[in-house]
C-alpha cells in the first residue's frame, strides 16, 4: 500500500500557532481561541466552525467571573 503523506514535516506534530501557515497574522474569532485553549494549542478547528460555541464559552466565563465578584462582595464581611 502506498500513501502520499509527508510525515517528515516538523510542523505537522507541533502546535498550530507555531505553524507558518497559521492565519497569516489575521485576527482569530472566539471559537478558534477557545479551541486553541481546550486543545493546548494543537488545533484551531477543534470546536468546529459554529460561532455560537465560542460565544457560549465566553459568556460562561463572564458569568462565572461576575458571579464570583458579586458573591465575594455580598458574603465578605467588612470589619
PDB file of N, CA and C in Angstrom:
ATOM      1  N   UNK A   1       0.842  -1.171   0.000  1.00  0.00           N
ATOM      2  CA  UNK A   1       0.000   0.000   0.000  1.00  0.00           C
ATOM      3  C   UNK A   1       0.892   1.240   0.000  1.00  0.00           C
ATOM      4  N   UNK A   2       0.578   2.166  -0.853  1.00  0.00           N
ATOM      5  CA  UNK A   2       1.356   3.408  -0.979  1.00  0.00           C
ATOM      6  C   UNK A   2       0.501   4.577  -0.516  1.00  0.00           C
ATOM      7  N   UNK A   3       1.112   5.433   0.278  1.00  0.00           N
ATOM      8  CA  UNK A   3       0.397   6.638   0.679  1.00  0.00           C
ATOM      9  C   UNK A   3       1.210   7.853   0.284  1.00  0.00           C
ATOM     10  N   UNK A   4       0.555   8.977   0.239  1.00  0.00           N
ATOM     11  CA  UNK A   4       1.204  10.226  -0.161  1.00  0.00           C
ATOM     12  C   UNK A   4       1.392  11.172   1.018  1.00  0.00           C
ATOM     13  N   UNK A   5       1.341  10.657   2.230  1.00  0.00           N
ATOM     14  CA  UNK A   5       1.502  11.504   3.400  1.00  0.00           C
ATOM     15  C   UNK A   5       2.962  11.841   3.614  1.00  0.00           C
ATOM     16  N   UNK A   6       3.215  13.069   3.997  1.00  0.00           N
ATOM     17  CA  UNK A   6       4.569  13.520   4.286  1.00  0.00           C
ATOM     18  C   UNK A   6       4.676  13.781   5.785  1.00  0.00           C
ATOM     19  N   UNK A   7       5.163  12.772   6.530  1.00  0.00           N
ATOM     20  CA  UNK A   7       5.288  12.903   7.967  1.00  0.00           C
ATOM     21  C   UNK A   7       6.641  13.451   8.385  1.00  0.00           C
ATOM     22  N   UNK A   8       7.454  13.859   7.453  1.00  0.00           N
ATOM     23  CA  UNK A   8       8.771  14.389   7.795  1.00  0.00           C
ATOM     24  C   UNK A   8       8.704  15.866   8.180  1.00  0.00           C
ATOM     25  N   UNK A   9       7.579  16.485   7.963  1.00  0.00           N
ATOM     26  CA  UNK A   9       7.421  17.897   8.283  1.00  0.00           C
ATOM     27  C   UNK A   9       7.319  18.070   9.801  1.00  0.00           C
ATOM     28  N   UNK A  10       8.211  18.859  10.396  1.00  0.00           N
ATOM     29  CA  UNK A  10       8.193  19.066  11.847  1.00  0.00           C
ATOM     30  C   UNK A  10       6.986  19.858  12.302  1.00  0.00           C
ATOM     31  N   UNK A  11       6.400  20.657  11.429  1.00  0.00           N
ATOM     32  CA  UNK A  11       5.225  21.452  11.797  1.00  0.00           C
ATOM     33  C   UNK A  11       3.973  20.603  11.938  1.00  0.00           C
ATOM     34  N   UNK A  12       4.009  19.386  11.446  1.00  0.00           N
ATOM     35  CA  UNK A  12       2.826  18.534  11.455  1.00  0.00           C
ATOM     36  C   UNK A  12       2.401  18.177  12.867  1.00  0.00           C
ATOM     37  N   UNK A  13       3.344  17.924  13.744  1.00  0.00           N
ATOM     38  CA  UNK A  13       3.015  17.476  15.091  1.00  0.00           C
ATOM     39  C   UNK A  13       3.141  18.574  16.134  1.00  0.00           C
ATOM     40  N   UNK A  14       3.593  19.734  15.749  1.00  0.00           N
ATOM     41  CA  UNK A  14       3.737  20.849  16.685  1.00  0.00           C
ATOM     42  C   UNK A  14       2.440  21.606  16.856  1.00  0.00           C
ATOM     43  N   UNK A  15       2.418  22.539  17.790  1.00  0.00           N
ATOM     44  CA  UNK A  15       1.224  23.359  17.988  1.00  0.00           C
ATOM     45  C   UNK A  15       0.890  24.164  16.737  1.00  0.00           C
ATOM     46  N   UNK A  16      -0.384  24.331  16.487  1.00  0.00           N
ATOM     47  CA  UNK A  16      -0.843  25.000  15.275  1.00  0.00           C
ATOM     48  C   UNK A  16      -0.444  26.474  15.254  1.00  0.00           C
ATOM     49  N   UNK A  17      -0.293  27.093  16.416  1.00  0.00           N
ATOM     50  CA  UNK A  17       0.035  28.516  16.443  1.00  0.00           C
ATOM     51  C   UNK A  17       1.466  28.792  15.995  1.00  0.00           C
ATOM     52  N   UNK A  18       2.323  27.789  15.979  1.00  0.00           N
ATOM     53  CA  UNK A  18       3.697  27.985  15.531  1.00  0.00           C
ATOM     54  C   UNK A  18       3.918  27.549  14.088  1.00  0.00           C
ATOM     55  N   UNK A  19       2.879  27.121  13.420  1.00  0.00           N
ATOM     56  CA  UNK A  19       2.994  26.740  12.013  1.00  0.00           C
ATOM     57  C   UNK A  19       3.041  27.992  11.146  1.00  0.00           C
ATOM     58  N   UNK A  20       3.845  27.980  10.103  1.00  0.00           N
ATOM     59  CA  UNK A  20       3.949  29.179   9.260  1.00  0.00           C
ATOM     60  C   UNK A  20       2.640  29.565   8.574  1.00  0.00           C
ATOM     61  N   UNK A  21       1.784  28.610   8.311  1.00  0.00           N
ATOM     62  CA  UNK A  21       0.545  28.895   7.586  1.00  0.00           C
ATOM     63  C   UNK A  21      -0.605  29.292   8.504  1.00  0.00           C
ATOM     64  N   UNK A  22      -0.362  29.430   9.808  1.00  0.00           N
ATOM     65  CA  UNK A  22      -1.460  29.738  10.730  1.00  0.00           C
ATOM     66  C   UNK A  22      -1.931  31.159  10.542  1.00  0.00           C
ATOM     67  N   UNK A  23      -3.093  31.347  10.082  1.00  0.00           N
ATOM     68  CA  UNK A  23      -3.922  32.539   9.867  1.00  0.00           C
ATOM     69  C   UNK A  23      -3.211  33.781   9.364  1.00  0.00           C
ATOM     70  N   UNK A  24      -1.954  33.762   9.021  1.00  0.00           N
ATOM     71  CA  UNK A  24      -1.285  34.919   8.410  1.00  0.00           C
ATOM     72  C   UNK A  24      -1.410  36.202   9.196  1.00  0.00           C
ATOM     73  N   UNK A  25      -1.357  36.142  10.512  1.00  0.00           N
ATOM     74  CA  UNK A  25      -1.443  37.290  11.414  1.00  0.00           C
ATOM     75  C   UNK A  25      -2.795  37.999  11.348  1.00  0.00           C
ATOM     76  N   UNK A  26      -3.809  37.318  10.883  1.00  0.00           N
ATOM     77  CA  UNK A  26      -5.146  37.906  10.905  1.00  0.00           C
ATOM     78  C   UNK A  26      -5.807  37.569  12.245  1.00  0.00           C
ATOM     79  N   UNK A  27      -6.766  38.362  12.682  1.00  0.00           N
ATOM     80  CA  UNK A  27      -7.405  38.096  13.975  1.00  0.00           C
ATOM     81  C   UNK A  27      -8.173  36.778  13.953  1.00  0.00           C
ATOM     82  N   UNK A  28      -8.184  36.094  15.085  1.00  0.00           N
ATOM     83  CA  UNK A  28      -8.941  34.852  15.192  1.00  0.00           C
ATOM     84  C   UNK A  28     -10.253  35.150  15.908  1.00  0.00           C
ATOM     85  N   UNK A  29     -11.240  34.298  15.687  1.00  0.00           N
ATOM     86  CA  UNK A  29     -12.525  34.503  16.350  1.00  0.00           C
ATOM     87  C   UNK A  29     -12.540  33.772  17.691  1.00  0.00           C
ATOM     88  N   UNK A  30     -13.595  33.951  18.463  1.00  0.00           N
ATOM     89  CA  UNK A  30     -13.686  33.356  19.794  1.00  0.00           C
ATOM     90  C   UNK A  30     -13.698  31.839  19.725  1.00  0.00           C
ATOM     91  N   UNK A  31     -14.302  31.284  18.686  1.00  0.00           N
ATOM     92  CA  UNK A  31     -14.356  29.837  18.555  1.00  0.00           C
ATOM     93  C   UNK A  31     -12.956  29.255  18.366  1.00  0.00           C
ATOM     94  N   UNK A  32     -12.138  29.886  17.548  1.00  0.00           N
ATOM     95  CA  UNK A  32     -10.766  29.425  17.361  1.00  0.00           C
ATOM     96  C   UNK A  32      -9.962  29.590  18.640  1.00  0.00           C
ATOM     97  N   UNK A  33     -10.169  30.681  19.349  1.00  0.00           N
ATOM     98  CA  UNK A  33      -9.429  30.920  20.583  1.00  0.00           C
ATOM     99  C   UNK A  33      -9.762  29.865  21.638  1.00  0.00           C
ATOM    100  N   UNK A  34     -11.033  29.551  21.806  1.00  0.00           N
ATOM    101  CA  UNK A  34     -11.409  28.529  22.778  1.00  0.00           C
ATOM    102  C   UNK A  34     -10.927  27.156  22.336  1.00  0.00           C
ATOM    103  N   UNK A  35     -10.958  26.889  21.056  1.00  0.00           N
ATOM    104  CA  UNK A  35     -10.458  25.610  20.561  1.00  0.00           C
ATOM    105  C   UNK A  35      -8.967  25.472  20.838  1.00  0.00           C
ATOM    106  N   UNK A  36      -8.208  26.545  20.613  1.00  0.00           N
ATOM    107  CA  UNK A  36      -6.777  26.513  20.932  1.00  0.00           C
ATOM    108  C   UNK A  36      -6.561  26.341  22.432  1.00  0.00           C
ATOM    109  N   UNK A  37      -7.405  26.952  23.249  1.00  0.00           N
ATOM    110  CA  UNK A  37      -7.281  26.816  24.698  1.00  0.00           C
ATOM    111  C   UNK A  37      -7.546  25.377  25.142  1.00  0.00           C
ATOM    112  N   UNK A  38      -8.643  24.791  24.674  1.00  0.00           N
ATOM    113  CA  UNK A  38      -9.021  23.449  25.110  1.00  0.00           C
ATOM    114  C   UNK A  38      -8.082  22.368  24.583  1.00  0.00           C
ATOM    115  N   UNK A  39      -7.473  22.586  23.431  1.00  0.00           N
ATOM    116  CA  UNK A  39      -6.570  21.583  22.868  1.00  0.00           C
ATOM    117  C   UNK A  39      -5.109  21.919  23.125  1.00  0.00           C
ATOM    118  N   UNK A  40      -4.840  22.884  23.977  1.00  0.00           N
ATOM    119  CA  UNK A  40      -3.476  23.309  24.334  1.00  0.00           C
ATOM    120  C   UNK A  40      -2.687  23.722  23.094  1.00  0.00           C
ATOM    121  N   UNK A  41      -3.342  24.436  22.201  1.00  0.00           N
ATOM    122  CA  UNK A  41      -2.677  24.976  21.022  1.00  0.00           C
ATOM    123  C   UNK A  41      -2.469  23.987  19.895  1.00  0.00           C
ATOM    124  N   UNK A  42      -3.070  22.807  19.975  1.00  0.00           N
ATOM    125  CA  UNK A  42      -2.847  21.797  18.958  1.00  0.00           C
ATOM    126  C   UNK A  42      -3.786  21.922  17.756  1.00  0.00           C
ATOM    127  N   UNK A  43      -4.966  22.471  17.951  1.00  0.00           N
ATOM    128  CA  UNK A  43      -5.942  22.528  16.861  1.00  0.00           C
ATOM    129  C   UNK A  43      -6.804  23.772  16.998  1.00  0.00           C
ATOM    130  N   UNK A  44      -6.937  24.517  15.915  1.00  0.00           N
ATOM    131  CA  UNK A  44      -7.769  25.718  15.966  1.00  0.00           C
ATOM    132  C   UNK A  44      -9.177  25.484  15.445  1.00  0.00           C
ATOM    133  N   UNK A  45      -9.470  24.289  14.958  1.00  0.00           N
ATOM    134  CA  UNK A  45     -10.801  23.980  14.445  1.00  0.00           C
ATOM    135  C   UNK A  45     -11.435  22.834  15.234  1.00  0.00           C
ATOM    136  N   UNK A  46     -10.998  22.638  16.461  1.00  0.00           N
ATOM    137  CA  UNK A  46     -11.491  21.533  17.281  1.00  0.00           C
ATOM    138  C   UNK A  46     -12.949  21.663  17.662  1.00  0.00           C
ATOM    139  N   UNK A  47     -13.456  22.862  17.773  1.00  0.00           N
ATOM    140  CA  UNK A  47     -14.861  23.070  18.123  1.00  0.00           C
ATOM    141  C   UNK A  47     -15.749  23.257  16.906  1.00  0.00           C
ATOM    142  N   UNK A  48     -15.199  23.138  15.732  1.00  0.00           N
ATOM    143  CA  UNK A  48     -15.976  23.310  14.516  1.00  0.00           C
ATOM    144  C   UNK A  48     -15.973  24.754  14.049  1.00  0.00           C
ATOM    145  N   UNK A  49     -16.937  25.086  13.246  1.00  0.00           N
ATOM    146  CA  UNK A  49     -16.986  26.417  12.642  1.00  0.00           C
ATOM    147  C   UNK A  49     -18.179  27.250  13.111  1.00  0.00           C
ATOM    148  N   UNK A  50     -18.924  26.760  14.092  1.00  0.00           N
ATOM    149  CA  UNK A  50     -20.089  27.480  14.594  1.00  0.00           C
ATOM    150  C   UNK A  50     -19.633  28.576  15.561  1.00  0.00           C
ATOM    151  N   UNK A  51     -19.933  29.832  15.250  1.00  0.00           N
ATOM    152  CA  UNK A  51     -19.515  30.953  16.091  1.00  0.00           C
ATOM    153  C   UNK A  51     -20.214  30.955  17.449  1.00  0.00           C
ATOM    154  N   UNK A  52     -21.367  30.352  17.533  1.00  0.00           N
ATOM    155  CA  UNK A  52     -22.127  30.352  18.783  1.00  0.00           C
ATOM    156  C   UNK A  52     -21.422  29.562  19.878  1.00  0.00           C
ATOM    157  N   UNK A  53     -20.645  28.563  19.526  1.00  0.00           N
ATOM    158  CA  UNK A  53     -19.923  27.791  20.531  1.00  0.00           C
ATOM    159  C   UNK A  53     -18.905  28.665  21.236  1.00  0.00           C
ATOM    160  N   UNK A  54     -18.176  29.466  20.488  1.00  0.00           N
ATOM    161  CA  UNK A  54     -17.216  30.382  21.091  1.00  0.00           C
ATOM    162  C   UNK A  54     -17.884  31.421  21.959  1.00  0.00           C
ATOM    163  N   UNK A  55     -19.014  31.922  21.514  1.00  0.00           N
ATOM    164  CA  UNK A  55     -19.766  32.898  22.312  1.00  0.00           C
ATOM    165  C   UNK A  55     -20.291  32.275  23.601  1.00  0.00           C
ATOM    166  N   UNK A  56     -20.698  31.001  23.533  1.00  0.00           N
ATOM    167  CA  UNK A  56     -21.189  30.305  24.718  1.00  0.00           C
ATOM    168  C   UNK A  56     -20.098  30.238  25.786  1.00  0.00           C
ATOM    169  N   UNK A  57     -18.905  29.809  25.411  1.00  0.00           N
ATOM    170  CA  UNK A  57     -17.823  29.698  26.390  1.00  0.00           C
ATOM    171  C   UNK A  57     -17.394  31.065  26.907  1.00  0.00           C
ATOM    172  N   UNK A  58     -17.414  32.076  26.064  1.00  0.00           N
ATOM    173  CA  UNK A  58     -17.067  33.422  26.501  1.00  0.00           C
ATOM    174  C   UNK A  58     -18.096  33.934  27.507  1.00  0.00           C
ATOM    175  N   UNK A  59     -19.371  33.739  27.218  1.00  0.00           N
ATOM    176  CA  UNK A  59     -20.423  34.186  28.134  1.00  0.00           C
ATOM    177  C   UNK A  59     -20.415  33.394  29.435  1.00  0.00           C
ATOM    178  N   UNK A  60     -20.086  32.096  29.369  1.00  0.00           N
ATOM    179  CA  UNK A  60     -19.972  31.307  30.593  1.00  0.00           C
ATOM    180  C   UNK A  60     -18.833  31.821  31.469  1.00  0.00           C
ATOM    181  N   UNK A  61     -17.712  32.153  30.858  1.00  0.00           N
ATOM    182  CA  UNK A  61     -16.586  32.682  31.614  1.00  0.00           C
ATOM    183  C   UNK A  61     -16.944  34.021  32.258  1.00  0.00           C
ATOM    184  N   UNK A  62     -17.599  34.887  31.515  1.00  0.00           N
ATOM    185  CA  UNK A  62     -18.027  36.173  32.073  1.00  0.00           C
ATOM    186  C   UNK A  62     -19.024  35.985  33.216  1.00  0.00           C
ATOM    187  N   UNK A  63     -19.946  35.046  33.075  1.00  0.00           N
ATOM    188  CA  UNK A  63     -20.931  34.786  34.127  1.00  0.00           C
ATOM    189  C   UNK A  63     -20.253  34.266  35.392  1.00  0.00           C
ATOM    190  N   UNK A  64     -19.252  33.424  35.242  1.00  0.00           N
ATOM    191  CA  UNK A  64     -18.534  32.900  36.408  1.00  0.00           C
ATOM    192  C   UNK A  64     -17.772  34.015  37.115  1.00  0.00           C
ATOM    193  N   UNK A  65     -17.140  34.886  36.348  1.00  0.00           N
ATOM    194  CA  UNK A  65     -16.393  35.999  36.944  1.00  0.00           C
ATOM    195  C   UNK A  65     -17.326  36.966  37.662  1.00  0.00           C
ATOM    196  N   UNK A  66     -18.432  37.320  37.039  1.00  0.00           N
ATOM    197  CA  UNK A  66     -19.385  38.252  37.660  1.00  0.00           C
ATOM    198  C   UNK A  66     -20.006  37.630  38.906  1.00  0.00           C
ATOM    199  N   UNK A  67     -20.367  36.358  38.843  1.00  0.00           N
ATOM    200  CA  UNK A  67     -20.948  35.679  39.995  1.00  0.00           C
ATOM    201  C   UNK A  67     -19.952  35.612  41.147  1.00  0.00           C
ATOM    202  N   UNK A  68     -18.710  35.320  40.834  1.00  0.00           N
ATOM    203  CA  UNK A  68     -17.681  35.286  41.870  1.00  0.00           C
ATOM    204  C   UNK A  68     -17.453  36.645  42.500  1.00  0.00           C
ATOM    205  N   UNK A  69     -17.429  37.684  41.685  1.00  0.00           N
ATOM    206  CA  UNK A  69     -17.231  39.036  42.220  1.00  0.00           C
ATOM    207  C   UNK A  69     -18.414  39.463  43.081  1.00  0.00           C
ATOM    208  N   UNK A  70     -19.618  39.194  42.620  1.00  0.00           N
ATOM    209  CA  UNK A  70     -20.797  39.545  43.416  1.00  0.00           C
ATOM    210  C   UNK A  70     -20.869  38.727  44.699  1.00  0.00           C
ATOM    211  N   UNK A  71     -20.530  37.453  44.616  1.00  0.00           N
ATOM    212  CA  UNK A  71     -20.516  36.607  45.811  1.00  0.00           C
ATOM    213  C   UNK A  71     -19.489  37.082  46.820  1.00  0.00           C
ATOM    214  N   UNK A  72     -18.331  37.481  46.352  1.00  0.00           N
ATOM    215  CA  UNK A  72     -17.303  37.997  47.254  1.00  0.00           C
ATOM    216  C   UNK A  72     -17.739  39.314  47.878  1.00  0.00           C
ATOM    217  N   UNK A  73     -18.406  40.149  47.112  1.00  0.00           N
ATOM    218  CA  UNK A  73     -18.865  41.436  47.637  1.00  0.00           C
ATOM    219  C   UNK A  73     -19.988  41.250  48.655  1.00  0.00           C
ATOM    220  N   UNK A  74     -20.878  40.329  48.418  1.00  0.00           N
ATOM    221  CA  UNK A  74     -22.025  40.137  49.310  1.00  0.00           C
ATOM    222  C   UNK A  74     -21.628  39.377  50.571  1.00  0.00           C
ATOM    223  N   UNK A  75     -20.840  38.337  50.438  1.00  0.00           N
ATOM    224  CA  UNK A  75     -20.557  37.471  51.567  1.00  0.00           C
ATOM    225  C   UNK A  75     -19.262  37.790  52.306  1.00  0.00           C
ATOM    226  N   UNK A  76     -18.583  38.841  51.932  1.00  0.00           N
ATOM    227  CA  UNK A  76     -17.399  39.257  52.657  1.00  0.00           C
ATOM    228  C   UNK A  76     -17.812  40.301  53.676  1.00  0.00           C
ATOM    229  N   UNK A  77     -17.507  40.004  54.932  1.00  0.00           N
ATOM    230  CA  UNK A  77     -17.879  40.972  55.976  1.00  0.00           C
ATOM    231  C   UNK A  77     -16.822  42.054  56.073  1.00  0.00           C
ATOM    232  N   UNK A  78     -17.276  43.257  56.202  1.00  0.00           N
ATOM    233  CA  UNK A  78     -16.384  44.398  56.330  1.00  0.00           C
ATOM    234  C   UNK A  78     -16.218  44.690  57.812  1.00  0.00           C
ATOM    235  N   UNK A  79     -14.991  44.565  58.305  1.00  0.00           N
ATOM    236  CA  UNK A  79     -14.747  44.763  59.736  1.00  0.00           C
ATOM    237  C   UNK A  79     -14.195  46.130  60.012  1.00  0.00           C
TER     238      UNK A  79
END
